């Protein structure tokens, strides 16, 4: 079936040894790592930015086991299929791969990348609690680090000693901090949910004790990669096929926060890696465009208090808000902004 569906051919870009195959829908698959791309243009862009898709595929496959905390091990029980990795850490690792390719193929310094100018420094990693949690043997304090991931990246990229000076652990820490402080959270849609909910509906037609019900339950368990079903399996599978991800967009990265914003991000219109920032108030020429980094509440469930907003902003974005609404909260109690 594979030979009929896919047409294997040499890659147009990169190593001549790299081969791809194209299916009937025009999707491109790498024959080395099986990474799938929506088109030849998408695949070519990946090669231009990273040099190879295979390194990223291997990284994402190995990443879940690289940052186990000191009080954890790899035995998470029979129902656990993976270890969750913080989205900013995943994005930081991918950005590090991209920067390494940039460093090796361009004369421009690493600082030329736009996300290098985004807020966030290596020291923020501790306050954001990102990476591997470990106990300092000297003062018994909790520390966070991406050292195991960095050592893995050094080996994956075969970094020379002189390359490890600009492509350092500090750079990886700063990328994770920037991703956490500037990233825009997204959740992918699950292609699997309609399938297994359809099986559940069919299974109930003949009654729970019928052979038909048993047959459909076995099919559903097999589709989920298990021998049997257990409570909560659907939520576990959804966390795998519809993960929460984070993305960096230049436009939102450069927008400051306000609890009384004059614009908002339309995430529901996220198509082809683009988002929209739409004005929700009249904005005079020369005025700053501000968005809200957090949910402000609504008329139905109530507007969030200054304390609630400040607590989330301090915890997630590491700053104390001094916008007009926070400085004059009383003026906004009877006139919500959104």
Protein backbone atom coordinates (compact mmCIF):
# COMPACT_ATOMS: atom_id res chain seq x y z
CA UNK A 1 0.00 0.00 0.00
CA UNK A 2 2.81 2.38 0.83
CA UNK A 3 4.32 2.01 -2.64
CA UNK A 4 1.00 2.84 -4.23
CA UNK A 5 0.30 5.85 -2.04
CA UNK A 6 3.77 7.39 -1.95
CA UNK A 7 6.04 8.31 -4.82
CA UNK A 8 9.64 8.25 -3.64
CA UNK A 9 11.99 10.85 -5.09
CA UNK A 10 15.20 12.68 -4.39
CA UNK A 11 15.01 15.82 -2.31
CA UNK A 12 15.43 19.04 -4.28
CA UNK A 13 17.25 20.72 -1.39
CA UNK A 14 20.02 19.58 0.91
CA UNK A 15 21.96 16.38 0.91
CA UNK A 16 21.61 14.33 -2.26
CA UNK A 17 21.25 11.25 -0.07
CA UNK A 18 18.03 12.65 1.42
CA UNK A 19 14.95 11.16 -0.17
CA UNK A 20 11.30 12.05 0.20
CA UNK A 21 8.07 10.53 -0.92
CA UNK A 22 4.89 12.26 -1.99
CA UNK A 23 1.37 10.95 -1.43
CA UNK A 24 -1.73 11.48 -3.54
CA UNK A 25 -2.57 14.67 -1.61
CA UNK A 26 0.80 16.28 -2.32
CA UNK A 27 2.15 15.79 1.21
CA UNK A 28 5.86 15.18 1.53
CA UNK A 29 7.39 12.64 3.90
CA UNK A 30 11.07 12.30 4.75
CA UNK A 31 12.20 8.74 4.15
CA UNK A 32 14.82 8.98 6.90
CA UNK A 33 12.79 10.23 9.89
CA UNK A 34 9.22 9.93 8.51
CA UNK A 35 8.45 13.58 9.28
CA UNK A 36 5.40 14.67 7.26
CA UNK A 37 5.02 18.05 5.55
CA UNK A 38 1.96 19.57 3.92
CA UNK A 39 3.80 20.42 0.70
CA UNK A 40 7.18 20.58 -1.01
CA UNK A 41 7.35 24.28 -0.14
CA UNK A 42 6.82 23.48 3.54
CA UNK A 43 9.56 20.84 3.43
CA UNK A 44 11.93 23.20 1.61
CA UNK A 45 11.34 25.90 4.23
CA UNK A 46 12.21 23.44 7.00
CA UNK A 47 15.49 22.57 5.28
CA UNK A 48 16.29 26.26 4.79
CA UNK A 49 15.70 27.06 8.47
CA UNK A 50 17.14 23.93 10.09
CA UNK A 51 19.28 22.21 7.46
CA UNK A 52 17.52 18.92 8.21
CA UNK A 53 14.21 17.70 9.57
CA UNK A 54 15.75 14.56 11.04
CA UNK A 55 17.53 16.27 13.95
CA UNK A 56 14.32 17.88 15.17
CA UNK A 57 12.41 14.60 14.84
CA UNK A 58 14.98 12.78 16.95
CA UNK A 59 15.06 15.61 19.49
CA UNK A 60 11.28 15.62 19.98
CA UNK A 61 11.28 11.85 20.32
CA UNK A 62 13.98 11.80 23.02
CA UNK A 63 13.03 15.02 24.85
CA UNK A 64 10.47 13.55 27.33
CA UNK A 65 13.12 11.44 29.09
CA UNK A 66 15.86 14.08 29.26
CA UNK A 67 14.49 16.27 32.04
CA UNK A 68 13.29 13.90 34.75
CA UNK A 69 13.41 15.52 38.19
CA UNK A 70 15.70 14.15 40.87
CA UNK A 71 12.76 12.59 42.72
CA UNK A 72 11.34 10.93 39.60
CA UNK A 73 12.21 7.85 37.59
CA UNK A 74 11.06 6.48 34.28
CA UNK A 75 8.52 4.02 35.73
CA UNK A 76 5.22 5.89 35.48
CA UNK A 77 2.93 2.86 35.49
CA UNK A 78 1.32 0.84 32.74
CA UNK A 79 -1.13 3.59 31.76
CA UNK A 80 1.47 6.28 31.13
CA UNK A 81 2.80 6.48 27.59
CA UNK A 82 4.95 9.61 27.89
CA UNK A 83 6.19 12.30 30.22
CA UNK A 84 4.85 15.80 29.72
CA UNK A 85 7.44 18.40 28.79
CA UNK A 86 6.81 22.09 29.38
CA UNK A 87 5.85 23.78 26.11
CA UNK A 88 8.41 26.64 26.48
CA UNK A 89 11.19 24.06 26.88
CA UNK A 90 10.14 22.26 23.69
CA UNK A 91 10.08 25.54 21.77
CA UNK A 92 13.46 26.56 23.22
CA UNK A 93 15.03 23.29 22.09
CA UNK A 94 13.69 23.74 18.55
CA UNK A 95 14.88 27.37 18.46
CA UNK A 96 18.31 26.23 19.61
CA UNK A 97 18.49 23.86 16.62
CA UNK A 98 17.54 26.71 14.31
CA UNK A 99 20.14 29.04 15.83
CA UNK A 100 22.82 26.39 15.50
CA UNK A 101 22.08 26.06 11.78
CA UNK A 102 22.06 29.85 11.46
CA UNK A 103 25.42 30.10 13.23
CA UNK A 104 27.00 27.55 10.90
CA UNK A 105 25.62 28.92 7.65
CA UNK A 106 25.39 32.71 8.09
CA UNK A 107 27.75 35.56 8.80
CA UNK A 108 25.16 37.43 10.87
CA UNK A 109 25.49 37.16 14.67
CA UNK A 110 22.94 35.20 16.66
CA UNK A 111 21.64 38.46 18.13
CA UNK A 112 20.24 39.33 14.68
CA UNK A 113 17.28 37.00 15.21
CA UNK A 114 14.18 38.94 16.24
CA UNK A 115 13.34 36.68 19.19
CA UNK A 116 16.71 37.42 20.71
CA UNK A 117 15.42 40.92 21.38
CA UNK A 118 12.31 39.68 23.21
CA UNK A 119 12.14 40.07 26.99
CA UNK A 120 13.53 37.21 29.05
CA UNK A 121 16.97 36.27 30.39
CA UNK A 122 18.61 33.05 31.50
CA UNK A 123 18.10 33.85 35.19
CA UNK A 124 14.31 33.89 34.69
CA UNK A 125 14.39 30.11 34.40
CA UNK A 126 14.37 29.77 38.21
CA UNK A 127 11.33 31.98 38.80
CA UNK A 128 9.46 30.38 35.90
CA UNK A 129 10.33 26.90 37.22
CA UNK A 130 11.30 25.54 33.83
CA UNK A 131 13.31 22.40 33.14
CA UNK A 132 14.73 19.76 35.41
CA UNK A 133 14.09 20.29 39.12
CA UNK A 134 17.05 19.37 41.27
CA UNK A 135 18.30 19.97 44.82
CA UNK A 136 21.48 21.98 45.35
CA UNK A 137 23.71 19.84 47.56
CA UNK A 138 25.27 22.86 49.25
CA UNK A 139 22.23 24.85 50.38
CA UNK A 140 19.51 22.23 49.75
CA UNK A 141 17.58 24.75 47.65
CA UNK A 142 15.51 23.80 44.63
CA UNK A 143 17.14 24.72 41.31
CA UNK A 144 15.96 24.43 37.74
CA UNK A 145 18.21 23.68 34.81
CA UNK A 146 18.27 22.47 31.20
CA UNK A 147 21.76 21.02 31.57
CA UNK A 148 20.76 17.43 30.55
CA UNK A 149 19.00 18.80 27.47
CA UNK A 150 21.98 20.98 26.58
CA UNK A 151 24.42 18.06 26.87
CA UNK A 152 22.12 16.05 24.58
CA UNK A 153 22.02 18.93 22.06
CA UNK A 154 25.82 19.17 22.06
CA UNK A 155 25.98 15.52 21.05
CA UNK A 156 23.10 15.73 18.59
CA UNK A 157 24.66 18.69 16.79
CA UNK A 158 28.27 17.55 17.30
CA UNK A 159 29.12 21.02 18.60
CA UNK A 160 32.82 21.86 18.67
CA UNK A 161 34.33 23.59 21.71
CA UNK A 162 34.41 26.95 19.96
CA UNK A 163 30.78 26.55 18.89
CA UNK A 164 29.71 25.97 22.49
CA UNK A 165 30.76 29.52 23.38
CA UNK A 166 27.91 31.28 21.50
CA UNK A 167 25.68 28.18 21.53
CA UNK A 168 25.85 27.87 25.31
CA UNK A 169 23.71 26.55 28.14
CA UNK A 170 22.96 30.17 29.02
CA UNK A 171 21.54 30.69 25.53
CA UNK A 172 19.27 27.67 25.93
CA UNK A 173 18.08 28.96 29.32
CA UNK A 174 17.35 32.40 27.87
CA UNK A 175 15.42 30.88 24.94
CA UNK A 176 13.20 28.95 27.36
CA UNK A 177 12.60 32.11 29.40
CA UNK A 178 11.76 34.12 26.28
CA UNK A 179 9.38 31.41 25.09
CA UNK A 180 7.58 31.37 28.44
CA UNK A 181 7.34 35.15 28.80
CA UNK A 182 6.44 35.93 25.18
CA UNK A 183 4.83 32.75 23.90
CA UNK A 184 1.26 32.59 22.69
CA UNK A 185 -0.57 29.49 23.91
CA UNK A 186 -2.45 27.37 21.37
CA UNK A 187 -4.20 24.02 21.49
CA UNK A 188 -4.36 21.82 18.43
CA UNK A 189 -7.59 20.18 17.34
CA UNK A 190 -7.82 16.44 17.83
CA UNK A 191 -8.37 14.39 14.66
CA UNK A 192 -8.90 11.31 16.79
CA UNK A 193 -11.83 12.35 18.98
CA UNK A 194 -14.54 12.07 16.27
CA UNK A 195 -13.27 8.56 15.49
CA UNK A 196 -13.47 7.10 18.96
CA UNK A 197 -16.70 8.90 19.90
CA UNK A 198 -18.22 7.38 16.77
CA UNK A 199 -17.13 3.92 17.89
CA UNK A 200 -18.65 4.52 21.31
CA UNK A 201 -22.01 5.45 19.76
CA UNK A 202 -21.99 2.31 17.61
CA UNK A 203 -21.04 0.16 20.59
CA UNK A 204 -24.09 1.22 22.60
CA UNK A 205 -26.63 0.21 19.94
CA UNK A 206 -26.61 -3.48 20.88
CA UNK A 207 -26.40 -3.04 24.65
CA UNK A 208 -23.40 -3.26 26.93
CA UNK A 209 -23.57 -7.05 27.23
CA UNK A 210 -23.84 -7.72 23.49
CA UNK A 211 -21.13 -9.19 21.30
CA UNK A 212 -21.30 -6.05 19.16
CA UNK A 213 -20.47 -3.87 22.14
CA UNK A 214 -17.52 -6.07 23.03
CA UNK A 215 -16.27 -6.02 19.44
CA UNK A 216 -16.36 -2.23 19.22
CA UNK A 217 -14.68 -1.87 22.63
CA UNK A 218 -11.85 -4.11 21.46
CA UNK A 219 -11.47 -2.00 18.29
CA UNK A 220 -11.39 1.17 20.35
CA UNK A 221 -8.78 -0.22 22.74
CA UNK A 222 -6.64 -1.33 19.79
CA UNK A 223 -6.95 2.10 18.19
CA UNK A 224 -5.74 3.64 21.45
CA UNK A 225 -2.77 1.27 21.51
CA UNK A 226 -3.99 -0.75 24.48
CA UNK A 227 -5.22 -4.28 25.16
CA UNK A 228 -8.16 -3.04 27.20
CA UNK A 229 -9.99 0.12 28.13
CA UNK A 230 -9.74 1.87 31.48
CA UNK A 231 -11.30 4.95 33.02
CA UNK A 232 -9.81 8.24 31.88
CA UNK A 233 -8.13 6.76 28.80
CA UNK A 234 -9.89 9.21 26.49
CA UNK A 235 -8.44 12.20 28.37
CA UNK A 236 -4.98 10.64 28.28
CA UNK A 237 -5.16 10.09 24.54
CA UNK A 238 -6.49 13.61 23.95
CA UNK A 239 -3.47 15.02 25.80
CA UNK A 240 -1.26 13.23 23.28
CA UNK A 241 -3.05 13.97 20.02
CA UNK A 242 -4.28 17.48 20.94
CA UNK A 243 -1.41 18.89 22.97
CA UNK A 244 -1.11 22.39 24.31
CA UNK A 245 1.63 24.18 22.39
CA UNK A 246 3.28 27.57 22.44
CA UNK A 247 4.32 29.81 19.57
CA UNK A 248 6.28 33.04 19.21
CA UNK A 249 4.92 35.79 16.98
CA UNK A 250 6.91 38.99 16.37
CA UNK A 251 3.79 41.15 16.54
CA UNK A 252 2.53 39.94 19.92
CA UNK A 253 6.07 39.77 21.29
CA UNK A 254 6.47 43.51 20.79
CA UNK A 255 3.01 44.37 22.19
CA UNK A 256 3.00 45.44 25.82
CA UNK A 257 0.34 44.34 28.29
CA UNK A 258 -2.52 46.39 29.64
CA UNK A 259 -5.45 45.36 31.82
CA UNK A 260 -7.43 47.87 29.78
CA UNK A 261 -6.21 46.90 26.29
CA UNK A 262 -7.08 48.69 23.07
CA UNK A 263 -6.48 45.56 20.95
CA UNK A 264 -6.80 41.82 21.24
CA UNK A 265 -5.40 38.69 19.60
CA UNK A 266 -7.86 36.63 17.59
CA UNK A 267 -6.45 33.20 18.21
CA UNK A 268 -9.46 31.45 16.71
CA UNK A 269 -8.34 32.80 13.34
CA UNK A 270 -4.97 31.05 13.59
CA UNK A 271 -4.40 29.81 10.05
CA UNK A 272 -1.11 28.98 8.31
CA UNK A 273 1.02 30.22 11.24
CA UNK A 274 -0.59 33.68 11.26
CA UNK A 275 -2.66 35.41 13.93
CA UNK A 276 -4.62 38.66 13.92
CA UNK A 277 -4.30 41.58 16.31
CA UNK A 278 -7.54 43.56 16.09
CA UNK A 279 -8.34 46.97 17.60
CA UNK A 280 -11.23 46.94 20.08
CA UNK A 281 -11.12 50.69 20.73
CA UNK A 282 -10.31 53.76 18.72
CA UNK A 283 -6.52 54.20 18.76
CA UNK A 284 -5.17 57.68 18.14
CA UNK A 285 -2.08 58.20 15.99
CA UNK A 286 1.00 57.80 18.15
CA UNK A 287 -0.73 55.81 20.91
CA UNK A 288 0.73 52.45 21.86
CA UNK A 289 -1.12 49.29 20.84
CA UNK A 290 -1.56 47.14 23.94
CA UNK A 291 -3.04 43.68 24.41
CA UNK A 292 -3.84 41.69 27.53
CA UNK A 293 -1.57 38.75 28.29
CA UNK A 294 -4.19 37.17 30.54
CA UNK A 295 -7.94 36.66 30.72
CA UNK A 296 -9.69 39.65 32.27
CA UNK A 297 -13.05 38.01 32.94
CA UNK A 298 -16.43 38.85 31.42
CA UNK A 299 -19.88 40.16 32.22
CA UNK A 300 -21.33 36.69 32.80
CA UNK A 301 -18.75 35.32 35.23
CA UNK A 302 -17.44 38.60 36.57
CA UNK A 303 -14.35 40.72 36.01
CA UNK A 304 -11.11 39.64 37.61
CA UNK A 305 -9.87 41.75 40.50
CA UNK A 306 -6.59 43.64 40.53
CA UNK A 307 -5.18 41.09 42.99
CA UNK A 308 -6.06 38.16 40.69
CA UNK A 309 -4.57 39.87 37.65
CA UNK A 310 -1.38 40.91 39.39
CA UNK A 311 -0.89 37.42 40.83
CA UNK A 312 -1.06 35.78 37.40
CA UNK A 313 1.11 38.41 35.73
CA UNK A 314 3.77 38.05 38.42
CA UNK A 315 3.72 34.26 38.24
CA UNK A 316 3.64 33.82 34.45
CA UNK A 317 5.32 36.96 33.11
CA UNK A 318 7.43 38.18 36.07
CA UNK A 319 6.32 41.80 36.16
CA UNK A 320 4.12 44.09 38.23
CA UNK A 321 1.52 45.80 36.07
CA UNK A 322 1.23 49.58 36.34
CA UNK A 323 -1.28 50.16 33.57
CA UNK A 324 -3.97 52.81 33.89
CA UNK A 325 -6.54 50.32 35.13
CA UNK A 326 -4.27 48.92 37.86
CA UNK A 327 -3.32 52.43 39.00
CA UNK A 328 -6.96 53.62 39.00
CA UNK A 329 -8.93 50.46 39.76
CA UNK A 330 -11.86 52.32 41.31
CA UNK A 331 -12.60 54.09 38.02
CA UNK A 332 -13.06 50.74 36.26
CA UNK A 333 -15.35 48.99 38.75
CA UNK A 334 -18.52 50.14 37.00
CA UNK A 335 -17.05 50.34 33.48
CA UNK A 336 -15.38 47.09 32.39
CA UNK A 337 -13.10 47.39 29.39
CA UNK A 338 -14.12 44.31 27.45
